[in-house]
C-alpha atoms as a PDB file:
ATOM      1  CA  MET A   1       1.599 -37.043 -42.782  1.00  0.00           C
ATOM      2  CA  ASN A   2      -1.772 -37.117 -42.098  1.00  0.00           C
ATOM      3  CA  LEU A   3      -3.425 -40.119 -42.900  1.00  0.00           C
ATOM      4  CA  GLU A   4      -5.693 -38.659 -45.872  1.00  0.00           C
ATOM      5  CA  LEU A   5      -2.558 -37.864 -47.529  1.00  0.00           C
ATOM      6  CA  LYS A   6      -0.926 -41.439 -46.624  1.00  0.00           C
ATOM      7  CA  GLY A   7      -4.311 -42.834 -48.186  1.00  0.00           C
ATOM      8  CA  GLU A   8      -3.843 -40.870 -51.530  1.00  0.00           C
ATOM      9  CA  LEU A   9      -0.004 -41.898 -51.731  1.00  0.00           C
ATOM     10  CA  PHE A  10      -0.911 -45.406 -51.445  1.00  0.00           C
ATOM     11  CA  ALA A  11      -3.408 -44.666 -54.209  1.00  0.00           C
ATOM     12  CA  VAL A  12      -0.770 -43.262 -56.637  1.00  0.00           C
ATOM     13  CA  GLY A  13       1.704 -46.194 -55.787  1.00  0.00           C
ATOM     14  CA  THR A  14      -1.090 -48.490 -56.758  1.00  0.00           C
ATOM     15  CA  ALA A  15      -1.588 -46.958 -59.948  1.00  0.00           C
ATOM     16  CA  ILE A  16       2.399 -47.046 -60.748  1.00  0.00           C
ATOM     17  CA  CYS A  17       2.751 -50.741 -59.593  1.00  0.00           C
ATOM     18  CA  TRP A  18      -0.536 -51.470 -61.874  1.00  0.00           C
ATOM     19  CA  THR A  19       1.258 -49.505 -65.068  1.00  0.00           C
ATOM     20  CA  PHE A  20       4.537 -51.540 -64.723  1.00  0.00           C
ATOM     21  CA  GLY A  21       2.872 -54.921 -63.808  1.00  0.00           C
ATOM     22  CA  MET A  22       0.601 -54.220 -67.091  1.00  0.00           C
ATOM     23  CA  LEU A  23       3.996 -54.088 -69.055  1.00  0.00           C
ATOM     24  CA  PHE A  24       5.393 -57.208 -67.536  1.00  0.00           C
ATOM     25  CA  PHE A  25       1.785 -58.692 -68.006  1.00  0.00           C
ATOM     26  CA  THR A  26       1.694 -57.795 -71.710  1.00  0.00           C
ATOM     27  CA  GLU A  27       4.886 -59.882 -72.328  1.00  0.00           C
ATOM     28  CA  ALA A  28       4.082 -62.842 -70.464  1.00  0.00           C
ATOM     29  CA  SER A  29       0.505 -62.897 -72.131  1.00  0.00           C
ATOM     30  CA  LYS A  30       2.043 -63.420 -75.339  1.00  0.00           C
ATOM     31  CA  ARG A  31       3.752 -66.371 -74.396  1.00  0.00           C
ATOM     32  CA  LEU A  32       1.247 -67.951 -72.020  1.00  0.00           C
ATOM     33  CA  GLY A  33      -2.341 -66.609 -73.303  1.00  0.00           C
ATOM     34  CA  ALA A  34      -4.533 -64.490 -70.994  1.00  0.00           C
ATOM     35  CA  ASN A  35      -6.637 -67.584 -69.470  1.00  0.00           C
ATOM     36  CA  VAL A  36      -3.317 -69.480 -68.704  1.00  0.00           C
ATOM     37  CA  LEU A  37      -1.645 -66.324 -67.345  1.00  0.00           C
ATOM     38  CA  ASN A  38      -4.977 -65.500 -65.207  1.00  0.00           C
ATOM     39  CA  HIS A  39      -4.752 -68.533 -63.487  1.00  0.00           C
ATOM     40  CA  PHE A  40      -0.727 -68.501 -63.147  1.00  0.00           C
ATOM     41  CA  ARG A  41      -0.892 -65.050 -61.327  1.00  0.00           C
ATOM     42  CA  LEU A  42      -3.586 -65.158 -59.037  1.00  0.00           C
ATOM     43  CA  VAL A  43      -1.820 -68.462 -57.785  1.00  0.00           C
ATOM     44  CA  LEU A  44       1.522 -67.116 -57.381  1.00  0.00           C
ATOM     45  CA  ALA A  45       0.404 -63.794 -55.737  1.00  0.00           C
ATOM     46  CA  ALA A  46      -1.697 -65.886 -53.069  1.00  0.00           C
ATOM     47  CA  LEU A  47       1.556 -67.861 -52.487  1.00  0.00           C
ATOM     48  CA  ILE A  48       3.962 -64.783 -51.960  1.00  0.00           C
ATOM     49  CA  LEU A  49       1.310 -62.925 -50.247  1.00  0.00           C
ATOM     50  CA  GLY A  50       1.205 -65.603 -47.492  1.00  0.00           C
ATOM     51  CA  PHE A  51       4.373 -66.070 -47.048  1.00  0.00           C
ATOM     52  CA  SER A  52       4.304 -61.985 -46.858  1.00  0.00           C
ATOM     53  CA  VAL A  53       1.501 -62.165 -44.179  1.00  0.00           C
ATOM     54  CA  LEU A  54       3.310 -64.149 -41.854  1.00  0.00           C
ATOM     55  CA  PHE A  55       6.593 -62.577 -42.100  1.00  0.00           C
ATOM     56  CA  PHE A  56       5.533 -58.694 -42.030  1.00  0.00           C
ATOM     57  CA  ASP A  57       2.675 -59.453 -39.464  1.00  0.00           C
ATOM     58  CA  GLN A  58       4.652 -62.229 -37.314  1.00  0.00           C
ATOM     59  CA  ILE A  59       1.659 -64.510 -36.950  1.00  0.00           C
ATOM     60  CA  LYS A  60       1.371 -68.098 -37.006  1.00  0.00           C
ATOM     61  CA  PRO A  61       0.226 -69.725 -40.331  1.00  0.00           C
ATOM     62  CA  SER A  62      -3.114 -71.148 -38.450  1.00  0.00           C
ATOM     63  CA  GLU A  63      -3.609 -67.552 -37.969  1.00  0.00           C
ATOM     64  CA  LEU A  64      -3.738 -66.823 -41.508  1.00  0.00           C
ATOM     65  CA  PHE A  65      -7.292 -68.717 -41.352  1.00  0.00           C
ATOM     66  CA  THR A  66      -8.258 -67.729 -37.805  1.00  0.00           C
ATOM     67  CA  LEU A  67      -7.860 -64.100 -37.501  1.00  0.00           C
ATOM     68  CA  PRO A  68     -10.080 -62.696 -39.620  1.00  0.00           C
ATOM     69  CA  GLY A  69     -13.715 -63.476 -38.622  1.00  0.00           C
ATOM     70  CA  LEU A  70     -16.348 -64.832 -40.426  1.00  0.00           C
ATOM     71  CA  SER A  71     -17.927 -61.732 -41.726  1.00  0.00           C
ATOM     72  CA  SER A  72     -14.614 -60.417 -42.809  1.00  0.00           C
ATOM     73  CA  TRP A  73     -14.432 -63.532 -44.909  1.00  0.00           C
ATOM     74  CA  LEU A  74     -17.562 -63.148 -46.485  1.00  0.00           C
ATOM     75  CA  TRP A  75     -16.956 -59.737 -47.605  1.00  0.00           C
ATOM     76  CA  LEU A  76     -13.334 -60.222 -48.739  1.00  0.00           C
ATOM     77  CA  GLY A  77     -14.175 -63.125 -50.501  1.00  0.00           C
ATOM     78  CA  LEU A  78     -17.063 -61.707 -52.186  1.00  0.00           C
ATOM     79  CA  SER A  79     -14.453 -58.632 -53.089  1.00  0.00           C
ATOM     80  CA  GLY A  80     -12.250 -61.133 -54.483  1.00  0.00           C
ATOM     81  CA  PHE A  81     -14.642 -63.010 -56.515  1.00  0.00           C
ATOM     82  CA  ILE A  82     -16.335 -59.857 -57.786  1.00  0.00           C
ATOM     83  CA  GLY A  83     -13.399 -57.738 -58.100  1.00  0.00           C
ATOM     84  CA  LEU A  84     -10.754 -60.016 -59.384  1.00  0.00           C
ATOM     85  CA  THR A  85     -12.355 -63.451 -60.650  1.00  0.00           C
ATOM     86  CA  LEU A  86     -15.399 -61.813 -62.483  1.00  0.00           C
ATOM     87  CA  GLY A  87     -14.251 -58.405 -63.137  1.00  0.00           C
ATOM     88  CA  ASP A  88     -10.653 -59.621 -65.104  1.00  0.00           C
ATOM     89  CA  TRP A  89     -13.002 -61.925 -66.938  1.00  0.00           C
ATOM     90  CA  PHE A  90     -15.064 -58.972 -68.033  1.00  0.00           C
ATOM     91  CA  ALA A  91     -11.677 -57.203 -69.057  1.00  0.00           C
ATOM     92  CA  PHE A  92      -9.819 -60.007 -70.746  1.00  0.00           C
ATOM     93  CA  SER A  93     -13.377 -60.959 -72.564  1.00  0.00           C
ATOM     94  CA  ALA A  94     -14.006 -57.106 -73.369  1.00  0.00           C
ATOM     95  CA  PHE A  95     -10.272 -56.774 -74.563  1.00  0.00           C
ATOM     96  CA  GLU A  96     -10.956 -59.456 -77.158  1.00  0.00           C
ATOM     97  CA  MET A  97     -14.289 -57.831 -78.438  1.00  0.00           C
ATOM     98  CA  ILE A  98     -13.660 -54.500 -78.355  1.00  0.00           C
ATOM     99  CA  GLY A  99     -10.163 -53.663 -78.499  1.00  0.00           C
ATOM    100  CA  PRO A 100      -8.199 -52.223 -75.183  1.00  0.00           C
ATOM    101  CA  ARG A 101      -8.869 -48.931 -75.726  1.00  0.00           C
ATOM    102  CA  LYS A 102     -12.529 -49.047 -75.783  1.00  0.00           C
ATOM    103  CA  THR A 103     -12.708 -51.150 -73.212  1.00  0.00           C
ATOM    104  CA  SER A 104     -10.217 -48.597 -70.935  1.00  0.00           C
ATOM    105  CA  LEU A 105     -13.052 -45.908 -71.894  1.00  0.00           C
ATOM    106  CA  PHE A 106     -15.772 -47.620 -70.039  1.00  0.00           C
ATOM    107  CA  TYR A 107     -13.352 -48.604 -67.253  1.00  0.00           C
ATOM    108  CA  THR A 108     -13.455 -44.595 -66.631  1.00  0.00           C
ATOM    109  CA  PHE A 109     -16.886 -45.392 -64.995  1.00  0.00           C
ATOM    110  CA  ALA A 110     -15.329 -46.913 -62.029  1.00  0.00           C
ATOM    111  CA  PRO A 111     -14.603 -44.201 -59.781  1.00  0.00           C
ATOM    112  CA  GLY A 112     -18.328 -43.730 -60.389  1.00  0.00           C
ATOM    113  CA  ALA A 113     -19.314 -46.824 -59.270  1.00  0.00           C
ATOM    114  CA  ALA A 114     -17.260 -46.994 -56.638  1.00  0.00           C
ATOM    115  CA  LEU A 115     -18.783 -43.518 -55.583  1.00  0.00           C
ATOM    116  CA  LEU A 116     -22.226 -45.036 -55.507  1.00  0.00           C
ATOM    117  CA  PHE A 117     -22.104 -47.849 -54.060  1.00  0.00           C
ATOM    118  CA  GLY A 118     -19.591 -46.528 -51.013  1.00  0.00           C
ATOM    119  CA  MET A 119     -22.588 -44.206 -50.944  1.00  0.00           C
ATOM    120  CA  ILE A 120     -25.228 -47.122 -50.517  1.00  0.00           C
ATOM    121  CA  PHE A 121     -22.642 -49.515 -48.508  1.00  0.00           C
ATOM    122  CA  LEU A 122     -20.172 -47.282 -46.438  1.00  0.00           C
ATOM    123  CA  GLN A 123     -22.410 -44.175 -46.287  1.00  0.00           C
ATOM    124  CA  GLU A 124     -19.710 -42.087 -47.548  1.00  0.00           C
ATOM    125  CA  THR A 125     -19.995 -38.812 -48.905  1.00  0.00           C
ATOM    126  CA  ILE A 126     -17.249 -36.357 -50.805  1.00  0.00           C
ATOM    127  CA  SER A 127     -17.664 -32.537 -51.162  1.00  0.00           C
ATOM    128  CA  PHE A 128     -18.219 -30.790 -54.493  1.00  0.00           C
ATOM    129  CA  ILE A 129     -14.486 -29.591 -54.622  1.00  0.00           C
ATOM    130  CA  ALA A 130     -13.523 -33.246 -54.406  1.00  0.00           C
ATOM    131  CA  PHE A 131     -16.332 -34.467 -57.001  1.00  0.00           C
ATOM    132  CA  ALA A 132     -14.978 -31.726 -59.254  1.00  0.00           C
ATOM    133  CA  GLY A 133     -11.745 -33.020 -58.931  1.00  0.00           C
ATOM    134  CA  MET A 134     -12.523 -36.386 -59.692  1.00  0.00           C
ATOM    135  CA  VAL A 135     -14.425 -35.368 -62.940  1.00  0.00           C
ATOM    136  CA  ILE A 136     -11.426 -33.206 -64.015  1.00  0.00           C
ATOM    137  CA  THR A 137      -9.205 -36.389 -63.565  1.00  0.00           C
ATOM    138  CA  ILE A 138     -11.510 -38.696 -65.133  1.00  0.00           C
ATOM    139  CA  ALA A 139     -11.765 -36.351 -68.111  1.00  0.00           C
ATOM    140  CA  GLY A 140      -8.084 -35.901 -68.626  1.00  0.00           C
ATOM    141  CA  VAL A 141      -7.416 -40.011 -68.770  1.00  0.00           C
ATOM    142  CA  PHE A 142     -10.218 -40.007 -71.139  1.00  0.00           C
ATOM    143  CA  LEU A 143      -8.525 -37.720 -73.113  1.00  0.00           C
ATOM    144  CA  VAL A 144      -5.535 -39.831 -73.011  1.00  0.00           C
ATOM    145  CA  ILE A 145      -7.284 -43.150 -73.738  1.00  0.00           C
ATOM    146  CA  PHE A 146      -9.185 -41.589 -76.579  1.00  0.00           C
ATOM    147  CA  ASN A 147      -6.481 -40.795 -78.920  1.00  0.00           C
ATOM    148  CA  LYS A 148      -6.610 -40.958 -82.391  1.00  0.00           C
ATOM    149  CA  LYS A 149      -3.308 -42.521 -82.826  1.00  0.00           C
ATOM    150  CA  ASN A 150      -4.922 -45.467 -81.202  1.00  0.00           C
ATOM    151  CA  GLN A 151      -8.141 -45.855 -83.207  1.00  0.00           C
ATOM    152  CA  HIS A 152      -6.900 -48.174 -85.667  1.00  0.00           C
ATOM    153  CA  GLU A 153      -7.897 -51.299 -83.411  1.00  0.00           C
ATOM    154  CA  ILE A 154      -9.875 -53.891 -85.142  1.00  0.00           C
ATOM    155  CA  ALA A 155     -12.738 -55.806 -83.277  1.00  0.00           C
ATOM    156  CA  ASP A 156     -15.401 -58.291 -84.433  1.00  0.00           C
ATOM    157  CA  LYS A 157     -18.505 -55.759 -85.008  1.00  0.00           C
ATOM    158  CA  ARG A 158     -20.580 -58.987 -84.352  1.00  0.00           C
ATOM    159  CA  TYR A 159     -19.631 -58.831 -80.623  1.00  0.00           C
ATOM    160  CA  HIS A 160     -19.730 -55.034 -80.151  1.00  0.00           C
ATOM    161  CA  PHE A 161     -22.432 -54.573 -77.800  1.00  0.00           C
ATOM    162  CA  LYS A 162     -21.560 -57.717 -76.010  1.00  0.00           C
ATOM    163  CA  GLY A 163     -18.062 -56.322 -75.395  1.00  0.00           C
ATOM    164  CA  VAL A 164     -19.314 -52.692 -74.134  1.00  0.00           C
ATOM    165  CA  LEU A 165     -21.504 -54.544 -71.744  1.00  0.00           C
ATOM    166  CA  LEU A 166     -18.398 -56.574 -70.461  1.00  0.00           C
ATOM    167  CA  ALA A 167     -16.585 -53.789 -70.347  1.00  0.00           C
ATOM    168  CA  ILE A 168     -19.043 -52.075 -67.895  1.00  0.00           C
ATOM    169  CA  GLY A 169     -19.433 -54.795 -65.815  1.00  0.00           C
ATOM    170  CA  GLY A 170     -15.809 -54.834 -65.756  1.00  0.00           C
ATOM    171  CA  SER A 171     -16.037 -51.083 -64.161  1.00  0.00           C
ATOM    172  CA  LEU A 172     -18.868 -52.065 -61.826  1.00  0.00           C
ATOM    173  CA  THR A 173     -17.001 -54.986 -60.585  1.00  0.00           C
ATOM    174  CA  GLN A 174     -14.121 -53.161 -60.013  1.00  0.00           C
ATOM    175  CA  GLY A 175     -15.742 -50.652 -58.025  1.00  0.00           C
ATOM    176  CA  ILE A 176     -18.083 -52.740 -55.967  1.00  0.00           C
ATOM    177  CA  GLY A 177     -14.927 -54.914 -55.246  1.00  0.00           C
ATOM    178  CA  LEU A 178     -13.261 -51.941 -53.496  1.00  0.00           C
ATOM    179  CA  VAL A 179     -15.865 -51.183 -51.308  1.00  0.00           C
ATOM    180  CA  PHE A 180     -16.528 -54.688 -50.118  1.00  0.00           C
ATOM    181  CA  SER A 181     -12.778 -54.712 -49.671  1.00  0.00           C
ATOM    182  CA  LYS A 182     -13.203 -51.898 -47.162  1.00  0.00           C
ATOM    183  CA  ILE A 183     -16.168 -53.188 -45.488  1.00  0.00           C
ATOM    184  CA  GLY A 184     -14.283 -56.527 -44.685  1.00  0.00           C
ATOM    185  CA  MET A 185     -11.312 -54.540 -43.509  1.00  0.00           C
ATOM    186  CA  GLN A 186     -13.847 -52.782 -41.262  1.00  0.00           C
ATOM    187  CA  GLN A 187     -15.207 -55.502 -39.592  1.00  0.00           C
ATOM    188  CA  ALA A 188     -12.146 -56.197 -37.104  1.00  0.00           C
ATOM    189  CA  ASP A 189      -8.910 -54.551 -36.194  1.00  0.00           C
ATOM    190  CA  GLN A 190      -6.868 -57.498 -35.496  1.00  0.00           C
ATOM    191  CA  PHE A 191      -5.339 -58.276 -38.778  1.00  0.00           C
ATOM    192  CA  SER A 192      -3.681 -55.767 -41.629  1.00  0.00           C
ATOM    193  CA  PRO A 193      -4.825 -54.790 -45.300  1.00  0.00           C
ATOM    194  CA  LEU A 194      -2.000 -56.870 -46.411  1.00  0.00           C
ATOM    195  CA  HIS A 195      -3.704 -60.011 -44.705  1.00  0.00           C
ATOM    196  CA  ALA A 196      -7.049 -58.843 -46.569  1.00  0.00           C
ATOM    197  CA  SER A 197      -5.482 -58.870 -49.499  1.00  0.00           C
ATOM    198  CA  TRP A 198      -4.044 -62.335 -49.392  1.00  0.00           C
ATOM    199  CA  ILE A 199      -7.681 -63.247 -48.763  1.00  0.00           C
ATOM    200  CA  ARG A 200      -9.018 -61.545 -51.792  1.00  0.00           C
ATOM    201  CA  LEU A 201      -6.374 -63.384 -53.933  1.00  0.00           C
ATOM    202  CA  LEU A 202      -7.058 -66.554 -52.241  1.00  0.00           C
ATOM    203  CA  ILE A 203     -10.587 -66.750 -53.153  1.00  0.00           C
ATOM    204  CA  ALA A 204      -9.959 -65.340 -56.509  1.00  0.00           C
ATOM    205  CA  ALA A 205      -7.860 -67.707 -57.093  1.00  0.00           C
ATOM    206  CA  ALA A 206      -9.678 -70.835 -55.701  1.00  0.00           C
ATOM    207  CA  SER A 207     -13.234 -69.601 -57.659  1.00  0.00           C
ATOM    208  CA  LEU A 208     -11.067 -69.035 -60.827  1.00  0.00           C
ATOM    209  CA  PHE A 209      -9.965 -73.047 -60.993  1.00  0.00           C
ATOM    210  CA  LEU A 210     -13.303 -74.248 -59.396  1.00  0.00           C
ATOM    211  CA  ILE A 211     -15.196 -72.375 -62.743  1.00  0.00           C
ATOM    212  CA  SER A 212     -12.228 -74.096 -64.833  1.00  0.00           C
ATOM    213  CA  ILE A 213     -12.933 -77.481 -63.244  1.00  0.00           C
ATOM    214  CA  PHE A 214     -16.724 -76.922 -63.671  1.00  0.00           C
ATOM    215  CA  ARG A 215     -15.584 -76.203 -67.757  1.00  0.00           C
ATOM    216  CA  ASN A 216     -13.133 -79.537 -68.004  1.00  0.00           C
ATOM    217  CA  LYS A 217     -10.474 -76.838 -68.650  1.00  0.00           C
ATOM    218  CA  ALA A 218      -8.298 -76.992 -65.364  1.00  0.00           C
ATOM    219  CA  LEU A 219      -6.037 -79.344 -66.281  1.00  0.00           C
ATOM    220  CA  SER A 220      -5.104 -78.394 -69.808  1.00  0.00           C
ATOM    221  CA  ILE A 221      -4.444 -75.067 -68.033  1.00  0.00           C
ATOM    222  CA  ILE A 222      -1.963 -76.628 -65.071  1.00  0.00           C
ATOM    223  CA  LYS A 223       0.037 -78.795 -67.925  1.00  0.00           C
ATOM    224  CA  SER A 224       0.192 -75.300 -69.799  1.00  0.00           C
ATOM    225  CA  ILE A 225       1.821 -73.623 -66.798  1.00  0.00           C
ATOM    226  CA  PHE A 226       3.952 -76.466 -66.047  1.00  0.00           C
ATOM    227  CA  GLN A 227       5.245 -76.366 -69.685  1.00  0.00           C
ATOM    228  CA  ALA A 228       5.789 -72.733 -69.490  1.00  0.00           C
ATOM    229  CA  ASP A 229       9.257 -71.004 -70.485  1.00  0.00           C
ATOM    230  CA  ALA A 230      11.703 -69.494 -68.223  1.00  0.00           C
ATOM    231  CA  THR A 231      10.765 -66.307 -69.780  1.00  0.00           C
ATOM    232  CA  ALA A 232       7.260 -66.573 -69.350  1.00  0.00           C
ATOM    233  CA  VAL A 233       7.922 -67.364 -65.926  1.00  0.00           C
ATOM    234  CA  ARG A 234       9.904 -64.622 -65.122  1.00  0.00           C
ATOM    235  CA  TYR A 235       7.638 -61.978 -66.342  1.00  0.00           C
ATOM    236  CA  THR A 236       5.019 -63.790 -65.120  1.00  0.00           C
ATOM    237  CA  LEU A 237       6.977 -63.519 -61.284  1.00  0.00           C
ATOM    238  CA  LEU A 238       7.908 -60.211 -61.773  1.00  0.00           C
ATOM    239  CA  ALA A 239       4.130 -58.657 -62.854  1.00  0.00           C
ATOM    240  CA  THR A 240       2.519 -60.569 -59.825  1.00  0.00           C
ATOM    241  CA  ILE A 241       5.136 -59.160 -57.353  1.00  0.00           C
ATOM    242  CA  ILE A 242       4.759 -55.624 -58.915  1.00  0.00           C
ATOM    243  CA  SER A 243       0.975 -55.618 -59.328  1.00  0.00           C
ATOM    244  CA  PRO A 244      -1.233 -57.982 -57.356  1.00  0.00           C
ATOM    245  CA  VAL A 245       0.736 -58.446 -54.708  1.00  0.00           C
ATOM    246  CA  VAL A 246       2.050 -54.911 -54.238  1.00  0.00           C
ATOM    247  CA  GLY A 247      -0.526 -53.008 -56.197  1.00  0.00           C
ATOM    248  CA  VAL A 248      -3.439 -54.865 -54.864  1.00  0.00           C
ATOM    249  CA  SER A 249      -1.997 -54.397 -51.303  1.00  0.00           C
ATOM    250  CA  LEU A 250      -1.543 -50.734 -51.373  1.00  0.00           C
ATOM    251  CA  SER A 251      -5.117 -50.450 -53.213  1.00  0.00           C
ATOM    252  CA  LEU A 252      -6.138 -51.603 -49.670  1.00  0.00           C
ATOM    253  CA  TYR A 253      -4.288 -49.411 -47.426  1.00  0.00           C
ATOM    254  CA  ALA A 254      -5.702 -46.353 -49.403  1.00  0.00           C
ATOM    255  CA  ALA A 255      -9.110 -47.700 -49.566  1.00  0.00           C
ATOM    256  CA  ASN A 256      -9.152 -47.989 -45.586  1.00  0.00           C
ATOM    257  CA  LEU A 257      -7.796 -44.088 -45.588  1.00  0.00           C
ATOM    258  CA  ILE A 258      -9.685 -42.498 -47.877  1.00  0.00           C
ATOM    259  CA  ASN A 259     -13.217 -42.732 -49.753  1.00  0.00           C
ATOM    260  CA  VAL A 260     -13.163 -45.323 -52.091  1.00  0.00           C
ATOM    261  CA  SER A 261     -14.242 -43.470 -54.602  1.00  0.00           C
ATOM    262  CA  ILE A 262     -11.350 -41.057 -54.324  1.00  0.00           C
ATOM    263  CA  ALA A 263      -9.366 -44.163 -54.464  1.00  0.00           C
ATOM    264  CA  GLN A 264     -10.472 -45.673 -57.517  1.00  0.00           C
ATOM    265  CA  THR A 265     -10.112 -42.319 -59.164  1.00  0.00           C
ATOM    266  CA  LEU A 266      -6.350 -42.612 -58.488  1.00  0.00           C
ATOM    267  CA  PHE A 267      -5.976 -45.862 -59.257  1.00  0.00           C
ATOM    268  CA  SER A 268      -7.556 -44.778 -62.479  1.00  0.00           C
ATOM    269  CA  MET A 269      -4.257 -42.778 -63.343  1.00  0.00           C
ATOM    270  CA  VAL A 270      -2.471 -46.040 -65.227  1.00  0.00           C
ATOM    271  CA  PRO A 271      -3.213 -44.786 -69.175  1.00  0.00           C
ATOM    272  CA  VAL A 272      -1.542 -41.464 -67.223  1.00  0.00           C
ATOM    273  CA  PHE A 273       1.353 -43.081 -65.916  1.00  0.00           C
ATOM    274  CA  ILE A 274       2.023 -45.299 -69.024  1.00  0.00           C
ATOM    275  CA  LEU A 275       2.694 -42.706 -71.414  1.00  0.00           C
ATOM    276  CA  PRO A 276       6.103 -41.691 -70.125  1.00  0.00           C
ATOM    277  CA  VAL A 277       7.266 -45.429 -69.396  1.00  0.00           C
ATOM    278  CA  SER A 278       6.092 -46.096 -73.020  1.00  0.00           C
ATOM    279  CA  TRP A 279       8.351 -43.297 -74.209  1.00  0.00           C
ATOM    280  CA  LEU A 280      11.535 -44.322 -72.187  1.00  0.00           C
ATOM    281  CA  LEU A 281      10.866 -48.132 -72.709  1.00  0.00           C
ATOM    282  CA  TYR A 282       9.435 -48.112 -76.127  1.00  0.00           C
ATOM    283  CA  ARG A 283      10.330 -45.056 -77.651  1.00  0.00           C
ATOM    284  CA  GLU A 284       6.717 -44.364 -78.442  1.00  0.00           C
ATOM    285  CA  LYS A 285       5.573 -40.813 -78.985  1.00  0.00           C
ATOM    286  CA  ILE A 286       3.472 -38.981 -76.966  1.00  0.00           C
ATOM    287  CA  THR A 287       0.647 -37.011 -79.063  1.00  0.00           C
ATOM    288  CA  PHE A 288      -0.516 -33.576 -78.100  1.00  0.00           C
ATOM    289  CA  GLN A 289      -3.623 -34.908 -77.135  1.00  0.00           C
ATOM    290  CA  SER A 290      -2.426 -37.602 -74.774  1.00  0.00           C
ATOM    291  CA  PHE A 291      -0.054 -34.701 -73.052  1.00  0.00           C
ATOM    292  CA  LEU A 292      -2.922 -32.508 -72.977  1.00  0.00           C
ATOM    293  CA  GLY A 293      -5.119 -35.234 -71.341  1.00  0.00           C
ATOM    294  CA  ALA A 294      -1.940 -35.916 -68.551  1.00  0.00           C
ATOM    295  CA  LEU A 295      -1.709 -32.313 -67.140  1.00  0.00           C
ATOM    296  CA  ILE A 296      -5.689 -32.324 -67.191  1.00  0.00           C
ATOM    297  CA  ALA A 297      -5.578 -35.715 -64.840  1.00  0.00           C
ATOM    298  CA  VAL A 298      -2.571 -34.594 -62.907  1.00  0.00           C
ATOM    299  CA  GLY A 299      -4.554 -31.347 -62.606  1.00  0.00           C
ATOM    300  CA  GLY A 300      -7.288 -33.296 -61.454  1.00  0.00           C
ATOM    301  CA  VAL A 301      -5.212 -35.267 -58.814  1.00  0.00           C
ATOM    302  CA  LEU A 302      -3.672 -31.969 -57.442  1.00  0.00           C
ATOM    303  CA  VAL A 303      -7.387 -30.765 -56.828  1.00  0.00           C
ATOM    304  CA  LEU A 304      -8.288 -34.254 -54.647  1.00  0.00           C
ATOM    305  CA  VAL A 305      -5.269 -33.758 -52.766  1.00  0.00           C
ATOM    306  CA  TRP A 306      -5.750 -30.363 -51.917  1.00  0.00           C
ATOM    307  CA  ARG A 307      -9.718 -30.238 -51.941  1.00  0.00           C
ATOM    308  CA  ASN A 308      -9.830 -29.623 -48.076  1.00  0.00           C
ATOM    309  CA  GLU A 309      -7.260 -26.084 -48.520  1.00  0.00           C
ATOM    310  CA  ILE A 310      -9.442 -25.258 -51.759  1.00  0.00           C
ATOM    311  CA  LEU A 311     -12.751 -26.015 -49.731  1.00  0.00           C
ATOM    312  CA  ALA A 312     -11.610 -23.642 -46.939  1.00  0.00           C
ATOM    313  CA  LEU A 313     -11.229 -20.689 -49.470  1.00  0.00           C
ATOM    314  CA  PHE A 314     -15.153 -20.837 -49.347  1.00  0.00           C
END
């Protein structure tokens, strides 16, 4: 298996993990609230990943901190803060102001952001065929999200403009966070993408709690975490293992092997993957528009995967 195909499989695996993680996080959020859940999941993810790195990479506990150089810590730390701490805050705030559907529409800009920042910071370029595949995929995802069935969302119109800005900010931070992750991993060969993922989550969790301390909300958040019932903890644990631990780690493996813009496009397939899962688990009907959008998105992915073979025909 060539490295590009391996990276693409990792990216699709990331989207699948984020799909199932979203379902469990939704259940956990109903019991804990978005802010408490965000703190809880990042701490859990950092702890689980820390032990995973020690086990899989066969390193000493001190090497968790000493193997990556200062430049790697800087770039990966920035990635964690921008992509996870700021990015998730933007997303959660936008969800409250304009609803999840509209927020998701603006997150289709994330591959474009990754392409732009990848060109600036990594000197990455993509072929016309790859760009066409990205456009087709995002068009399909857009159709799935822009479903009339979901247009009954109620959002406070007073905060609409602010919500749109936050959603755009979330898509930009997602793209630049992935680029900074790749830069951090390129600084040295001594540590794995799993290790890099741990650094991102550790910095994200630490910075989120620091912000809560400055806002005098840390104690109430910690108290809420310890008072959580067993069902909330179980959903949070399952979601954390699937999404921030496995999903985020796979995303860094993918970004390390393929262009960040292509990786981010494949990550954006979550709304497509959620369709059959929602149908199987909740018996939600799949509209013709959603089905058509899913087919278009899958077609775009096939163009991305076979971009070199298609390019060879010209």
